[in-house]
Structures are given as C-alpha cells and as structure tokens.
N, C-alpha and C. Protein backbone atom coordinates (compact mmCIF):
# COMPACT_ATOMS: atom_id res chain seq x y z
N MET A 1 143.16 94.39 98.81
CA MET A 1 142.23 94.46 99.86
C MET A 1 141.11 95.25 99.64
N GLN A 2 141.17 96.29 99.02
CA GLN A 2 140.10 97.13 98.84
C GLN A 2 138.75 96.52 98.20
N GLY A 3 139.14 95.73 97.20
CA GLY A 3 138.16 94.97 96.43
C GLY A 3 137.32 94.20 97.38
N ARG A 4 138.03 93.59 98.27
CA ARG A 4 137.24 92.60 99.29
C ARG A 4 136.28 93.53 100.14
N ASP A 5 136.83 94.63 100.49
CA ASP A 5 135.99 95.42 101.49
C ASP A 5 134.76 95.98 100.73
N LYS A 6 135.07 96.36 99.31
CA LYS A 6 133.81 96.75 98.60
C LYS A 6 132.76 95.75 98.37
N ASP A 7 133.29 94.58 98.09
CA ASP A 7 132.35 93.39 97.89
C ASP A 7 131.58 93.19 99.39
N SER A 8 132.15 93.19 100.45
CA SER A 8 131.56 92.94 101.53
C SER A 8 130.56 94.06 101.90
N THR A 9 131.05 95.25 101.41
CA THR A 9 130.00 96.50 101.78
C THR A 9 128.71 96.27 100.86
N ARG A 10 128.99 95.96 99.72
CA ARG A 10 127.73 95.74 98.68
C ARG A 10 127.02 94.61 99.26
N ARG A 11 127.57 93.52 99.78
CA ARG A 11 126.89 92.39 100.40
C ARG A 11 126.00 92.75 101.52
N GLY A 12 126.63 93.56 102.46
CA GLY A 12 125.99 93.94 103.47
C GLY A 12 124.69 94.93 103.13
N GLU A 13 125.03 95.84 102.23
CA GLU A 13 123.85 96.70 101.65
C GLU A 13 122.67 95.84 101.16
N ARG A 14 123.07 94.82 100.41
CA ARG A 14 122.02 93.95 99.74
C ARG A 14 121.23 93.16 100.91
N ILE A 15 121.99 92.69 101.91
CA ILE A 15 121.39 92.10 103.10
C ILE A 15 120.40 92.90 103.83
N ASP A 16 120.80 94.21 103.84
CA ASP A 16 119.92 95.35 104.63
C ASP A 16 118.73 95.57 103.79
N ALA A 17 119.10 95.68 102.42
CA ALA A 17 117.79 96.00 101.56
C ALA A 17 116.78 94.72 101.80
N ALA A 18 117.26 93.70 101.76
CA ALA A 18 116.52 92.57 101.73
C ALA A 18 115.70 92.37 103.17
N GLU A 19 116.40 92.80 104.33
CA GLU A 19 115.69 92.75 105.43
C GLU A 19 114.70 93.83 105.60
N ARG A 20 114.95 95.12 105.08
CA ARG A 20 114.03 96.11 104.99
C ARG A 20 112.59 95.83 104.24
N GLU A 21 112.86 95.00 102.98
CA GLU A 21 111.78 94.61 102.15
C GLU A 21 111.02 93.73 103.14
N ALA A 22 111.64 92.70 103.59
CA ALA A 22 110.97 91.60 104.45
C ALA A 22 110.21 92.30 105.62
N ALA A 23 110.75 93.23 106.23
CA ALA A 23 109.93 93.96 107.28
C ALA A 23 108.70 94.77 106.80
N LYS A 24 108.99 95.26 105.57
CA LYS A 24 107.91 95.93 105.01
C LYS A 24 106.78 95.09 104.68
N ARG A 25 107.08 93.91 104.12
CA ARG A 25 105.90 93.04 103.80
C ARG A 25 105.27 92.44 104.92
N ARG A 26 106.16 92.22 105.99
CA ARG A 26 105.43 91.93 107.44
C ARG A 26 104.38 92.93 107.97
N LEU A 27 104.90 94.28 107.77
CA LEU A 27 104.06 95.36 108.28
C LEU A 27 102.86 95.29 107.37
N LEU A 28 102.87 95.35 106.02
CA LEU A 28 101.85 95.37 105.27
C LEU A 28 100.70 94.18 105.54
N ALA A 29 101.19 92.90 105.63
CA ALA A 29 100.53 91.79 106.08
C ALA A 29 99.82 92.19 107.12
N GLN A 30 100.40 92.51 108.24
CA GLN A 30 99.78 92.80 109.57
C GLN A 30 98.81 93.84 109.48
N ALA A 31 99.07 95.03 108.81
CA ALA A 31 97.93 96.04 108.57
C ALA A 31 96.77 95.48 107.85
N GLU A 32 96.95 94.56 106.90
CA GLU A 32 95.90 94.06 106.04
C GLU A 32 95.09 92.93 106.95
N ALA A 33 95.70 92.40 107.84
CA ALA A 33 95.06 91.42 108.86
C ALA A 33 94.13 92.21 109.95
N ASP A 34 94.71 93.31 110.24
CA ASP A 34 94.17 94.36 111.13
C ASP A 34 93.07 95.15 110.71
N ARG A 35 92.84 95.28 109.35
CA ARG A 35 92.08 96.18 108.67
C ARG A 35 90.65 95.73 108.99
N VAL A 36 89.77 96.82 109.19
CA VAL A 36 88.20 96.52 109.53
C VAL A 36 87.59 96.81 108.07
N PRO A 37 86.75 95.95 107.50
CA PRO A 37 86.08 96.08 106.30
C PRO A 37 85.03 97.22 106.55
N THR A 38 84.84 97.96 105.62
CA THR A 38 83.77 99.19 105.69
C THR A 38 82.43 98.65 105.99
N ASP A 39 82.12 97.44 105.39
CA ASP A 39 80.62 96.97 105.72
C ASP A 39 80.54 96.16 106.96
N ASP A 40 81.54 96.20 107.83
CA ASP A 40 81.41 95.54 109.20
C ASP A 40 80.40 96.11 110.01
N PRO A 41 79.36 95.35 110.45
CA PRO A 41 78.27 95.93 111.05
C PRO A 41 78.59 96.22 112.54
N THR A 42 79.70 95.91 113.09
CA THR A 42 80.00 96.30 114.35
C THR A 42 80.78 97.52 114.49
N ARG A 43 81.08 98.13 113.37
CA ARG A 43 81.63 99.32 113.25
C ARG A 43 80.78 100.63 113.66
N ALA A 44 81.34 101.45 114.31
CA ALA A 44 80.38 102.65 114.84
C ALA A 44 79.93 103.32 113.67
N VAL A 45 78.63 103.69 113.60
CA VAL A 45 78.14 104.53 112.59
C VAL A 45 77.51 105.91 113.27
N PRO A 46 77.81 107.00 112.78
CA PRO A 46 77.12 108.22 113.27
C PRO A 46 75.51 108.22 113.26
N ASP A 47 74.94 108.59 114.40
CA ASP A 47 73.38 108.49 114.42
C ASP A 47 72.94 109.95 114.21
N ARG A 48 72.27 109.98 112.84
CA ARG A 48 71.96 111.27 112.41
C ARG A 48 70.27 111.27 112.31
N ARG A 49 69.65 110.41 113.00
CA ARG A 49 68.35 110.49 113.08
C ARG A 49 67.69 111.53 113.64
N TRP A 50 68.43 112.06 114.77
CA TRP A 50 67.88 113.31 115.32
C TRP A 50 67.66 114.47 114.40
N LYS A 51 68.38 114.67 113.30
CA LYS A 51 68.06 115.76 112.28
C LYS A 51 66.73 115.56 111.64
N ARG A 52 66.38 114.43 111.35
CA ARG A 52 65.06 113.98 110.67
C ARG A 52 63.89 114.51 111.57
N ASP A 53 64.02 114.37 112.96
CA ASP A 53 62.86 114.69 113.84
C ASP A 53 62.71 116.14 113.93
N ARG A 54 63.59 116.99 113.56
CA ARG A 54 63.37 118.24 113.79
C ARG A 54 62.78 119.03 112.53
C-alpha cells in the first residue's frame, strides 16, 4: 500500500506544479497585456521647460 500512496503523492505534486506553471503563464500574459509601451504619447512626461527659461 505504501507504493500506491507514494504514487498518488507524486501525481499530486505533478498536478500542483502544472497548476503553478499555468498560473504563472496567465499572470505573465496579463502583465504583458497591461504593459504600457514607453513610446505611448498618453504617458505622463516630466515638464522640464521651466529649467530652460531660467
């Protein structure tokens, strides 16, 4: 019976690892979808013109 318990434990560990990997991929895909490109013109840019006027 111990062999059966070990097999089910290993199977459970493999399932957990697969679920973690799938969750990681979903998070990375969501982060990539939410990412703002650096050349996006709607992104706030610091206004440093006042330094030139002085």
